[in-house]
N, C-alpha and C. Protein backbone atom coordinates (compact mmCIF):
# COMPACT_ATOMS: atom_id res chain seq x y z
N SER A 1 14.76 -95.84 -5.32
CA SER A 1 13.74 -95.50 -4.34
C SER A 1 14.04 -96.22 -3.03
N GLU A 2 13.89 -95.52 -1.94
CA GLU A 2 14.16 -96.11 -0.63
C GLU A 2 12.94 -96.82 -0.07
N GLY A 3 11.81 -96.73 -0.74
CA GLY A 3 10.64 -97.44 -0.26
C GLY A 3 9.76 -96.63 0.66
N ASN A 4 10.01 -95.33 0.78
CA ASN A 4 9.19 -94.54 1.70
C ASN A 4 8.46 -93.41 1.00
N GLY A 5 8.47 -93.36 -0.31
CA GLY A 5 7.77 -92.31 -1.04
C GLY A 5 6.30 -92.64 -1.23
N LEU A 6 5.58 -91.71 -1.86
CA LEU A 6 4.15 -91.89 -2.07
C LEU A 6 3.84 -93.12 -2.91
N ASP A 7 4.64 -93.39 -3.95
CA ASP A 7 4.40 -94.57 -4.78
C ASP A 7 4.53 -95.85 -3.96
N SER A 8 5.55 -95.90 -3.13
CA SER A 8 5.77 -97.06 -2.28
C SER A 8 4.62 -97.24 -1.29
N GLN A 9 4.18 -96.13 -0.69
CA GLN A 9 3.07 -96.20 0.26
C GLN A 9 1.80 -96.70 -0.41
N GLU A 10 1.54 -96.21 -1.62
CA GLU A 10 0.34 -96.68 -2.33
C GLU A 10 0.47 -98.16 -2.66
N ARG A 11 1.64 -98.59 -3.09
CA ARG A 11 1.87 -100.01 -3.41
C ARG A 11 1.61 -100.88 -2.17
N ILE A 12 2.10 -100.43 -1.03
CA ILE A 12 1.91 -101.18 0.22
C ILE A 12 0.42 -101.25 0.57
N CYS A 13 -0.28 -100.13 0.42
CA CYS A 13 -1.71 -100.10 0.73
C CYS A 13 -2.51 -100.97 -0.23
N ARG A 14 -2.16 -100.93 -1.51
CA ARG A 14 -2.85 -101.78 -2.50
C ARG A 14 -2.59 -103.26 -2.22
N GLY A 15 -1.38 -103.59 -1.83
CA GLY A 15 -1.07 -104.97 -1.46
C GLY A 15 -1.87 -105.42 -0.25
N TYR A 16 -1.99 -104.54 0.73
CA TYR A 16 -2.79 -104.82 1.92
C TYR A 16 -4.24 -105.06 1.52
N ALA A 17 -4.78 -104.21 0.66
CA ALA A 17 -6.17 -104.36 0.21
C ALA A 17 -6.35 -105.70 -0.50
N GLU A 18 -5.41 -106.05 -1.34
CA GLU A 18 -5.49 -107.31 -2.08
C GLU A 18 -5.49 -108.50 -1.12
N ARG A 19 -4.60 -108.48 -0.14
CA ARG A 19 -4.53 -109.58 0.84
C ARG A 19 -5.82 -109.69 1.65
N ARG A 20 -6.52 -108.58 1.84
CA ARG A 20 -7.77 -108.58 2.61
C ARG A 20 -9.00 -108.70 1.69
N SER A 21 -8.75 -108.92 0.41
CA SER A 21 -9.83 -109.03 -0.60
C SER A 21 -10.72 -107.79 -0.63
N LEU A 22 -10.08 -106.63 -0.52
CA LEU A 22 -10.79 -105.35 -0.60
C LEU A 22 -10.54 -104.74 -1.97
N ARG A 23 -11.59 -104.18 -2.56
CA ARG A 23 -11.46 -103.52 -3.87
C ARG A 23 -11.11 -102.05 -3.64
N VAL A 24 -10.10 -101.56 -4.32
CA VAL A 24 -9.69 -100.16 -4.20
C VAL A 24 -10.59 -99.32 -5.10
N LEU A 25 -11.31 -98.38 -4.48
CA LEU A 25 -12.21 -97.49 -5.22
C LEU A 25 -11.54 -96.17 -5.56
N ALA A 26 -10.61 -95.74 -4.74
CA ALA A 26 -9.94 -94.45 -4.96
C ALA A 26 -8.63 -94.44 -4.17
N ALA A 27 -7.71 -93.63 -4.63
CA ALA A 27 -6.45 -93.41 -3.91
C ALA A 27 -6.25 -91.91 -3.79
N PHE A 28 -5.86 -91.48 -2.61
CA PHE A 28 -5.64 -90.06 -2.34
C PHE A 28 -4.17 -89.88 -2.02
N HIS A 29 -3.50 -89.04 -2.80
CA HIS A 29 -2.05 -88.85 -2.69
C HIS A 29 -1.77 -87.56 -1.92
N ASP A 30 -1.56 -87.71 -0.64
CA ASP A 30 -1.36 -86.57 0.23
C ASP A 30 0.13 -86.35 0.45
N ASP A 31 0.67 -85.31 -0.19
CA ASP A 31 2.09 -85.04 -0.04
C ASP A 31 2.38 -83.91 0.96
N VAL A 32 1.35 -83.57 1.75
CA VAL A 32 1.51 -82.55 2.79
C VAL A 32 1.74 -83.26 4.12
N THR A 33 2.51 -82.67 4.98
CA THR A 33 2.83 -83.26 6.27
C THR A 33 1.58 -83.59 7.09
N GLY A 34 1.68 -84.65 7.87
CA GLY A 34 0.60 -85.05 8.75
C GLY A 34 0.50 -84.21 10.01
N SER A 35 1.22 -83.09 10.07
CA SER A 35 1.17 -82.24 11.25
C SER A 35 -0.02 -81.28 11.21
N THR A 36 -0.79 -81.32 10.12
CA THR A 36 -1.96 -80.45 10.01
C THR A 36 -3.11 -81.22 9.37
N SER A 37 -4.33 -80.80 9.67
CA SER A 37 -5.49 -81.42 9.02
C SER A 37 -5.97 -80.57 7.85
N ASN A 38 -5.27 -79.47 7.58
CA ASN A 38 -5.61 -78.59 6.46
C ASN A 38 -4.85 -79.07 5.22
N ARG A 39 -5.44 -80.12 4.56
CA ARG A 39 -4.77 -80.75 3.42
C ARG A 39 -5.80 -81.02 2.33
N ARG A 40 -5.48 -80.62 1.12
CA ARG A 40 -6.41 -80.74 -0.01
C ARG A 40 -6.84 -82.20 -0.24
N GLU A 41 -5.91 -83.13 -0.22
CA GLU A 41 -6.26 -84.53 -0.46
C GLU A 41 -7.09 -85.11 0.68
N LEU A 42 -6.86 -84.62 1.89
CA LEU A 42 -7.67 -85.04 3.02
C LEU A 42 -9.11 -84.55 2.85
N ASP A 43 -9.26 -83.32 2.37
CA ASP A 43 -10.60 -82.79 2.07
C ASP A 43 -11.27 -83.64 1.00
N ALA A 44 -10.51 -84.06 -0.01
CA ALA A 44 -11.06 -84.91 -1.08
C ALA A 44 -11.49 -86.26 -0.52
N LEU A 45 -10.70 -86.82 0.40
CA LEU A 45 -11.06 -88.08 1.03
C LEU A 45 -12.38 -87.95 1.76
N PHE A 46 -12.54 -86.90 2.57
CA PHE A 46 -13.77 -86.75 3.34
C PHE A 46 -14.96 -86.44 2.44
N ALA A 47 -14.76 -85.77 1.34
CA ALA A 47 -15.85 -85.56 0.38
C ALA A 47 -16.28 -86.91 -0.21
N PHE A 48 -15.31 -87.76 -0.51
CA PHE A 48 -15.59 -89.11 -1.02
C PHE A 48 -16.36 -89.91 0.02
N LEU A 49 -15.93 -89.84 1.28
CA LEU A 49 -16.57 -90.62 2.34
C LEU A 49 -18.00 -90.17 2.61
N LYS A 50 -18.31 -88.90 2.34
CA LYS A 50 -19.67 -88.41 2.55
C LYS A 50 -20.69 -89.16 1.70
N SER A 51 -20.27 -89.61 0.52
CA SER A 51 -21.20 -90.29 -0.37
C SER A 51 -21.04 -91.82 -0.33
N HIS A 52 -20.27 -92.33 0.61
CA HIS A 52 -20.05 -93.77 0.73
C HIS A 52 -20.14 -94.20 2.19
N ARG A 53 -20.58 -95.41 2.41
CA ARG A 53 -20.59 -96.01 3.76
C ARG A 53 -19.94 -97.38 3.68
N GLY A 54 -19.29 -97.77 4.74
CA GLY A 54 -18.67 -99.08 4.78
C GLY A 54 -17.33 -99.15 4.07
N ILE A 55 -16.78 -98.00 3.71
CA ILE A 55 -15.47 -97.93 3.05
C ILE A 55 -14.37 -98.15 4.08
N VAL A 56 -13.34 -98.89 3.68
CA VAL A 56 -12.16 -99.06 4.52
C VAL A 56 -11.09 -98.11 4.00
N VAL A 57 -10.73 -97.14 4.82
CA VAL A 57 -9.63 -96.22 4.50
C VAL A 57 -8.36 -96.90 4.98
N ILE A 58 -7.43 -97.11 4.06
CA ILE A 58 -6.18 -97.80 4.40
C ILE A 58 -5.04 -96.78 4.39
N ILE A 59 -4.30 -96.76 5.47
CA ILE A 59 -3.12 -95.91 5.55
C ILE A 59 -1.90 -96.80 5.79
N ASP A 60 -0.78 -96.38 5.26
CA ASP A 60 0.45 -97.16 5.41
C ASP A 60 0.96 -97.09 6.85
N ASP A 61 0.82 -95.94 7.46
CA ASP A 61 1.34 -95.71 8.80
C ASP A 61 0.46 -94.67 9.46
N LEU A 62 0.31 -94.74 10.77
CA LEU A 62 -0.55 -93.77 11.47
C LEU A 62 -0.12 -92.33 11.22
N SER A 63 1.17 -92.11 11.08
CA SER A 63 1.67 -90.75 10.88
C SER A 63 1.22 -90.16 9.54
N ARG A 64 0.78 -91.00 8.61
CA ARG A 64 0.28 -90.49 7.33
C ARG A 64 -1.05 -89.77 7.52
N LEU A 65 -1.80 -90.16 8.53
CA LEU A 65 -3.05 -89.48 8.82
C LEU A 65 -2.80 -88.25 9.70
N GLY A 66 -2.01 -88.43 10.74
CA GLY A 66 -1.70 -87.31 11.63
C GLY A 66 -0.49 -87.62 12.47
N ARG A 67 0.36 -86.63 12.65
CA ARG A 67 1.61 -86.83 13.39
C ARG A 67 1.53 -86.46 14.86
N ASP A 68 0.38 -86.01 15.31
CA ASP A 68 0.20 -85.81 16.75
C ASP A 68 -1.26 -86.00 17.09
N GLU A 69 -1.55 -86.09 18.37
CA GLU A 69 -2.90 -86.41 18.81
C GLU A 69 -3.93 -85.37 18.39
N ASP A 70 -3.55 -84.11 18.36
CA ASP A 70 -4.50 -83.06 18.00
C ASP A 70 -4.97 -83.17 16.56
N VAL A 71 -4.18 -83.79 15.71
CA VAL A 71 -4.54 -83.99 14.30
C VAL A 71 -5.12 -85.39 14.10
N TYR A 72 -4.44 -86.39 14.61
CA TYR A 72 -4.80 -87.78 14.33
C TYR A 72 -6.19 -88.16 14.85
N TRP A 73 -6.44 -87.96 16.14
CA TRP A 73 -7.68 -88.48 16.73
C TRP A 73 -8.94 -87.85 16.15
N PRO A 74 -9.02 -86.55 15.92
CA PRO A 74 -10.23 -86.02 15.29
C PRO A 74 -10.47 -86.59 13.89
N LEU A 75 -9.39 -86.80 13.12
CA LEU A 75 -9.55 -87.37 11.79
C LEU A 75 -9.99 -88.83 11.87
N ARG A 76 -9.37 -89.58 12.75
CA ARG A 76 -9.75 -90.98 12.97
C ARG A 76 -11.23 -91.07 13.36
N ASP A 77 -11.62 -90.26 14.33
CA ASP A 77 -13.00 -90.28 14.80
C ASP A 77 -13.97 -89.88 13.70
N ALA A 78 -13.59 -88.92 12.88
CA ALA A 78 -14.47 -88.47 11.79
C ALA A 78 -14.66 -89.58 10.75
N ILE A 79 -13.62 -90.36 10.48
CA ILE A 79 -13.76 -91.48 9.54
C ILE A 79 -14.77 -92.48 10.07
N PHE A 80 -14.64 -92.87 11.33
CA PHE A 80 -15.58 -93.82 11.92
C PHE A 80 -16.98 -93.23 12.04
N ALA A 81 -17.09 -91.96 12.40
CA ALA A 81 -18.40 -91.31 12.54
C ALA A 81 -19.13 -91.21 11.21
N SER A 82 -18.39 -91.23 10.11
CA SER A 82 -19.02 -91.15 8.79
C SER A 82 -19.56 -92.50 8.32
N GLY A 83 -19.42 -93.52 9.16
CA GLY A 83 -19.91 -94.85 8.78
C GLY A 83 -18.88 -95.66 8.01
N ASN A 84 -17.63 -95.25 8.11
CA ASN A 84 -16.55 -95.93 7.40
C ASN A 84 -15.53 -96.45 8.41
N TYR A 85 -14.47 -97.05 7.91
CA TYR A 85 -13.49 -97.71 8.76
C TYR A 85 -12.08 -97.23 8.42
N LEU A 86 -11.19 -97.38 9.38
CA LEU A 86 -9.79 -97.03 9.18
C LEU A 86 -8.93 -98.23 9.52
N GLU A 87 -8.03 -98.59 8.61
CA GLU A 87 -7.08 -99.67 8.86
C GLU A 87 -5.69 -99.18 8.46
N ALA A 88 -4.71 -99.68 9.17
CA ALA A 88 -3.31 -99.37 8.86
C ALA A 88 -2.61 -100.66 8.48
N THR A 89 -1.65 -100.55 7.60
CA THR A 89 -0.92 -101.74 7.16
C THR A 89 0.03 -102.25 8.24
N THR A 90 0.30 -101.42 9.25
CA THR A 90 1.32 -101.76 10.23
C THR A 90 0.77 -102.22 11.58
N ILE A 91 -0.46 -101.81 11.93
CA ILE A 91 -1.03 -102.23 13.22
C ILE A 91 -2.54 -102.37 13.08
N LYS A 92 -3.14 -103.06 14.04
CA LYS A 92 -4.60 -103.18 14.07
C LYS A 92 -5.17 -101.97 14.78
N ILE A 93 -6.07 -101.28 14.10
CA ILE A 93 -6.76 -100.15 14.70
C ILE A 93 -8.09 -100.68 15.23
N GLY A 94 -8.30 -100.52 16.50
CA GLY A 94 -9.51 -101.07 17.10
C GLY A 94 -9.97 -100.24 18.28
N ASN A 95 -10.86 -100.82 19.06
CA ASN A 95 -11.44 -100.09 20.18
C ASN A 95 -11.23 -100.73 21.53
N THR A 96 -10.39 -101.78 21.59
CA THR A 96 -10.09 -102.34 22.90
C THR A 96 -9.07 -101.44 23.59
N ALA A 97 -8.97 -101.57 24.88
CA ALA A 97 -8.01 -100.75 25.64
C ALA A 97 -6.59 -100.97 25.13
N ASP A 98 -6.22 -102.22 24.85
CA ASP A 98 -4.87 -102.51 24.37
C ASP A 98 -4.62 -101.90 22.99
N GLU A 99 -5.59 -102.01 22.08
CA GLU A 99 -5.43 -101.47 20.73
C GLU A 99 -5.31 -99.94 20.77
N ILE A 100 -6.13 -99.31 21.58
CA ILE A 100 -6.07 -97.85 21.69
C ILE A 100 -4.76 -97.41 22.34
N PHE A 101 -4.29 -98.16 23.33
CA PHE A 101 -3.01 -97.85 23.97
C PHE A 101 -1.87 -97.85 22.95
N VAL A 102 -1.80 -98.92 22.15
CA VAL A 102 -0.72 -99.02 21.15
C VAL A 102 -0.87 -97.91 20.11
N GLU A 103 -2.08 -97.67 19.67
CA GLU A 103 -2.33 -96.61 18.69
C GLU A 103 -1.89 -95.24 19.24
N ARG A 104 -2.28 -94.96 20.47
CA ARG A 104 -1.90 -93.69 21.10
C ARG A 104 -0.38 -93.59 21.24
N LEU A 105 0.25 -94.66 21.61
CA LEU A 105 1.70 -94.68 21.75
C LEU A 105 2.38 -94.38 20.41
N LEU A 106 1.91 -95.01 19.34
CA LEU A 106 2.51 -94.79 18.02
C LEU A 106 2.25 -93.39 17.49
N VAL A 107 1.08 -92.83 17.75
CA VAL A 107 0.79 -91.46 17.33
C VAL A 107 1.74 -90.50 18.04
N ASN A 108 1.92 -90.70 19.34
CA ASN A 108 2.84 -89.85 20.09
C ASN A 108 4.28 -90.05 19.68
N PHE A 109 4.65 -91.26 19.32
CA PHE A 109 5.99 -91.51 18.79
C PHE A 109 6.18 -90.74 17.48
N GLY A 110 5.16 -90.72 16.64
CA GLY A 110 5.22 -89.95 15.39
C GLY A 110 5.44 -88.47 15.64
N ALA A 111 4.81 -87.94 16.69
CA ALA A 111 5.00 -86.52 17.04
C ALA A 111 6.43 -86.30 17.54
N HIS A 112 6.94 -87.25 18.25
CA HIS A 112 8.30 -87.13 18.80
C HIS A 112 9.38 -87.19 17.73
N THR A 113 9.14 -87.98 16.68
CA THR A 113 10.19 -88.20 15.68
C THR A 113 10.11 -87.27 14.48
N ARG A 114 9.14 -86.37 14.42
CA ARG A 114 9.05 -85.52 13.23
C ARG A 114 10.06 -84.41 13.23
């Protein structure tokens, strides 16, 4: 394994949760490209979030949620609007100008490299 498959991503996310003392309640295995928001596992995630508040959704990389701004930002916003949180193992997701700048840069880089 090269370390970039779904098993590796889940292992990285579980390790991140453990380091942050977060309990994993569910794992969603999305093997569809992040270039679309029409994904069965993404629908399952949002169904789960509807009945929970204060959940931290952990992604290994921003591109796992969405590979361009048209996909990423609406999904990100919907997670926060549902009363939950989004964290990535690779960068801090936040609301300061600097955090949003870096996040936007990485999302656009993901669109460029797909």
